[in-house]
C-alpha atoms as a PDB file:
ATOM      1  CA  ASP A   1      -5.762  45.561  56.705  1.00  0.00           C
ATOM      2  CA  ILE A   2      -7.599  42.210  56.467  1.00  0.00           C
ATOM      3  CA  ALA A   3      -7.286  39.100  58.632  1.00  0.00           C
ATOM      4  CA  LEU A   4      -8.844  35.716  57.858  1.00  0.00           C
ATOM      5  CA  ILE A   5      -9.394  33.391  60.819  1.00  0.00           C
ATOM      6  CA  HIS A   6     -10.538  29.778  60.741  1.00  0.00           C
ATOM      7  CA  LEU A   7     -10.531  28.574  64.347  1.00  0.00           C
ATOM      8  CA  GLY A   8     -12.476  26.018  66.361  1.00  0.00           C
ATOM      9  CA  THR A   9     -12.266  22.707  64.508  1.00  0.00           C
ATOM     10  CA  ASN A  10     -10.123  21.134  67.215  1.00  0.00           C
ATOM     11  CA  ASP A  11     -12.274  22.659  69.959  1.00  0.00           C
ATOM     12  CA  GLN A  12     -15.469  20.794  69.108  1.00  0.00           C
ATOM     13  CA  GLY A  13     -14.958  18.463  72.074  1.00  0.00           C
ATOM     14  CA  ALA A  14     -14.779  21.344  74.563  1.00  0.00           C
ATOM     15  CA  THR A  15     -17.376  21.658  77.296  1.00  0.00           C
ATOM     16  CA  ASP A  16     -17.518  25.474  77.113  1.00  0.00           C
ATOM     17  CA  TYR A  17     -17.472  26.923  73.591  1.00  0.00           C
ATOM     18  CA  ASN A  18     -17.396  30.492  74.885  1.00  0.00           C
ATOM     19  CA  GLU A  19     -14.127  29.741  76.653  1.00  0.00           C
ATOM     20  CA  ALA A  20     -12.625  27.446  74.002  1.00  0.00           C
ATOM     21  CA  VAL A  21     -13.670  29.321  70.833  1.00  0.00           C
ATOM     22  CA  ALA A  22     -15.236  32.750  71.391  1.00  0.00           C
ATOM     23  CA  GLN A  23     -12.745  34.039  73.968  1.00  0.00           C
ATOM     24  CA  PRO A  24      -9.641  33.171  71.904  1.00  0.00           C
ATOM     25  CA  LEU A  25     -11.281  34.838  68.905  1.00  0.00           C
ATOM     26  CA  ARG A  26     -11.914  38.002  70.965  1.00  0.00           C
ATOM     27  CA  GLU A  27      -8.290  37.980  72.072  1.00  0.00           C
ATOM     28  CA  ILE A  28      -7.008  37.552  68.510  1.00  0.00           C
ATOM     29  CA  VAL A  29      -9.182  40.440  67.307  1.00  0.00           C
ATOM     30  CA  GLY A  30      -7.848  42.550  70.186  1.00  0.00           C
ATOM     31  CA  MET A  31      -4.247  41.797  69.214  1.00  0.00           C
ATOM     32  CA  LEU A  32      -4.972  42.581  65.565  1.00  0.00           C
ATOM     33  CA  ARG A  33      -6.623  45.874  66.499  1.00  0.00           C
ATOM     34  CA  ALA A  34      -3.673  46.810  68.716  1.00  0.00           C
ATOM     35  CA  ALA A  35      -1.474  46.545  65.613  1.00  0.00           C
ATOM     36  CA  ASN A  36      -4.022  48.103  63.236  1.00  0.00           C
ATOM     37  CA  PRO A  37      -7.174  49.778  64.621  1.00  0.00           C
ATOM     38  CA  ARG A  38      -8.781  49.630  61.159  1.00  0.00           C
ATOM     39  CA  VAL A  39      -8.296  45.909  60.526  1.00  0.00           C
ATOM     40  CA  ALA A  40     -11.227  44.038  58.999  1.00  0.00           C
ATOM     41  CA  VAL A  41     -11.509  40.555  60.494  1.00  0.00           C
ATOM     42  CA  PHE A  42     -13.246  37.665  58.753  1.00  0.00           C
ATOM     43  CA  ILE A  43     -14.038  34.612  60.865  1.00  0.00           C
ATOM     44  CA  ALA A  44     -15.006  31.348  59.200  1.00  0.00           C
ATOM     45  CA  HIS A  45     -17.795  29.219  60.540  1.00  0.00           C
ATOM     46  CA  LEU A  46     -16.849  25.555  60.691  1.00  0.00           C
ATOM     47  CA  GLY A  47     -17.669  23.519  57.609  1.00  0.00           C
ATOM     48  CA  PHE A  48     -19.566  20.805  59.454  1.00  0.00           C
ATOM     49  CA  HIS A  49     -23.334  20.338  59.220  1.00  0.00           C
ATOM     50  CA  ASP A  50     -23.989  18.673  62.575  1.00  0.00           C
ATOM     51  CA  GLY A  51     -22.748  18.148  66.084  1.00  0.00           C
ATOM     52  CA  ALA A  52     -20.741  20.787  67.918  1.00  0.00           C
ATOM     53  CA  ALA A  53     -20.475  23.052  64.862  1.00  0.00           C
ATOM     54  CA  LEU A  54     -24.197  23.801  65.194  1.00  0.00           C
ATOM     55  CA  LYS A  55     -23.651  24.868  68.813  1.00  0.00           C
ATOM     56  CA  ILE A  56     -20.496  26.858  68.078  1.00  0.00           C
ATOM     57  CA  ARG A  57     -21.987  28.756  65.124  1.00  0.00           C
ATOM     58  CA  PRO A  58     -24.417  30.987  67.091  1.00  0.00           C
ATOM     59  CA  ILE A  59     -21.787  31.672  69.756  1.00  0.00           C
ATOM     60  CA  VAL A  60     -19.300  32.865  67.138  1.00  0.00           C
ATOM     61  CA  GLU A  61     -22.017  34.858  65.368  1.00  0.00           C
ATOM     62  CA  ALA A  62     -23.002  36.650  68.594  1.00  0.00           C
ATOM     63  CA  MET A  63     -19.367  37.282  69.533  1.00  0.00           C
ATOM     64  CA  ALA A  64     -18.614  38.784  66.108  1.00  0.00           C
ATOM     65  CA  LYS A  65     -21.650  41.065  66.236  1.00  0.00           C
ATOM     66  CA  GLY A  66     -20.738  42.145  69.752  1.00  0.00           C
ATOM     67  CA  ILE A  67     -17.208  43.280  68.881  1.00  0.00           C
ATOM     68  CA  SER A  68     -17.674  44.497  65.303  1.00  0.00           C
ATOM     69  CA  THR A  69     -17.266  48.233  64.754  1.00  0.00           C
ATOM     70  CA  ALA A  70     -17.568  50.515  61.737  1.00  0.00           C
ATOM     71  CA  GLN A  71     -13.827  51.202  61.892  1.00  0.00           C
ATOM     72  CA  SER A  72     -12.868  47.532  62.403  1.00  0.00           C
ATOM     73  CA  PRO A  73     -15.619  45.203  61.207  1.00  0.00           C
ATOM     74  CA  VAL A  74     -15.748  41.576  62.287  1.00  0.00           C
ATOM     75  CA  VAL A  75     -17.576  39.505  59.683  1.00  0.00           C
ATOM     76  CA  THR A  76     -18.502  35.838  59.859  1.00  0.00           C
ATOM     77  CA  VAL A  77     -18.085  33.697  56.768  1.00  0.00           C
ATOM     78  CA  ALA A  78     -20.412  30.763  56.152  1.00  0.00           C
ATOM     79  CA  GLN A  79     -17.823  28.256  54.943  1.00  0.00           C
ATOM     80  CA  TYR A  80     -20.370  25.491  55.603  1.00  0.00           C
ATOM     81  CA  GLU A  81     -22.723  26.629  52.821  1.00  0.00           C
ATOM     82  CA  ASN A  82     -22.538  24.228  49.857  1.00  0.00           C
ATOM     83  CA  TRP A  83     -19.777  22.350  51.698  1.00  0.00           C
ATOM     84  CA  HIS A  84     -19.633  18.572  51.201  1.00  0.00           C
ATOM     85  CA  GLU A  85     -17.632  17.026  54.021  1.00  0.00           C
ATOM     86  CA  ARG A  86     -18.265  13.349  53.150  1.00  0.00           C
ATOM     87  CA  PRO A  87     -15.081  12.089  51.440  1.00  0.00           C
ATOM     88  CA  GLU A  88     -17.010   9.339  49.645  1.00  0.00           C
ATOM     89  CA  ASP A  89     -19.265  11.928  47.971  1.00  0.00           C
ATOM     90  CA  PRO A  90     -18.187  12.536  44.338  1.00  0.00           C
ATOM     91  CA  GLU A  91     -18.437  16.271  45.058  1.00  0.00           C
ATOM     92  CA  ALA A  92     -16.541  16.028  48.365  1.00  0.00           C
ATOM     93  CA  ASP A  93     -14.691  19.068  49.640  1.00  0.00           C
ATOM     94  CA  THR A  94     -12.619  17.010  52.101  1.00  0.00           C
ATOM     95  CA  PHE A  95     -10.386  13.988  51.973  1.00  0.00           C
ATOM     96  CA  ASP A  96     -11.029  12.993  55.605  1.00  0.00           C
ATOM     97  CA  TRP A  97     -14.256  14.747  56.743  1.00  0.00           C
ATOM     98  CA  ALA A  98     -12.337  17.774  58.097  1.00  0.00           C
ATOM     99  CA  HIS A  99      -9.418  18.865  55.923  1.00  0.00           C
ATOM    100  CA  PRO A 100     -10.103  20.344  52.479  1.00  0.00           C
ATOM    101  CA  ASN A 101      -9.062  18.578  49.330  1.00  0.00           C
ATOM    102  CA  GLU A 102      -8.270  20.611  46.200  1.00  0.00           C
ATOM    103  CA  ARG A 103     -11.971  21.184  45.498  1.00  0.00           C
ATOM    104  CA  GLY A 104     -12.511  22.240  49.125  1.00  0.00           C
ATOM    105  CA  GLN A 105      -9.566  24.639  48.992  1.00  0.00           C
ATOM    106  CA  LYS A 106     -11.084  26.285  45.916  1.00  0.00           C
ATOM    107  CA  HIS A 107     -14.491  26.442  47.626  1.00  0.00           C
ATOM    108  CA  MET A 108     -12.965  28.067  50.709  1.00  0.00           C
ATOM    109  CA  ALA A 109     -10.998  30.612  48.654  1.00  0.00           C
ATOM    110  CA  GLU A 110     -14.091  31.586  46.667  1.00  0.00           C
ATOM    111  CA  THR A 111     -16.157  31.891  49.859  1.00  0.00           C
ATOM    112  CA  TRP A 112     -13.509  34.069  51.538  1.00  0.00           C
ATOM    113  CA  LEU A 113     -13.284  36.295  48.461  1.00  0.00           C
ATOM    114  CA  ALA A 114     -17.056  36.726  48.190  1.00  0.00           C
ATOM    115  CA  ALA A 115     -17.198  37.767  51.851  1.00  0.00           C
ATOM    116  CA  MET A 116     -14.295  40.204  51.438  1.00  0.00           C
ATOM    117  CA  LYS A 117     -15.468  41.969  48.262  1.00  0.00           C
ATOM    118  CA  PRO A 118     -17.370  44.781  50.031  1.00  0.00           C
ATOM    119  CA  THR A 119     -14.364  45.468  52.269  1.00  0.00           C
ATOM    120  CA  LEU A 120     -11.949  45.337  49.344  1.00  0.00           C
ATOM    121  CA  SER A 121     -14.103  47.897  47.521  1.00  0.00           C
ATOM    122  CA  ARG A 122     -14.070  50.150  50.599  1.00  0.00           C
ATOM    123  CA  LEU A 123     -10.286  49.835  50.969  1.00  0.00           C
ATOM    124  CA  ALA A 124      -9.783  50.641  47.294  1.00  0.00           C
ATOM    125  CA  ALA A 125     -11.885  53.793  47.705  1.00  0.00           C
ATOM    126  CA  ASP A 126      -9.875  55.000  50.747  1.00  0.00           C
END
């Protein structure tokens, strides 16, 4: 009933983020809905604070809003909030600027859960 998607990190060098990121996300949501018309889809925003991530973020946000429905919501998750990508930072969430270390994994799990709580409550009530 719930799908978590974190897509786009390797597409930051693309020239067309609609084609490289938004369209594959639309297709994945379509496949999920074909299997379960009531699926709730959560899409993570990239955990970077500069560069392509800042250009991709509004495209993903607009795409999610455009395909979200009451029956099958598509929710974006701000994984970048309070995210420390610098590995030399004592509070780093990555070991190499991109991939989460243990602290980053915990941060991501907590962020996913916080985003899912309203949906989990709705599913429990059904």
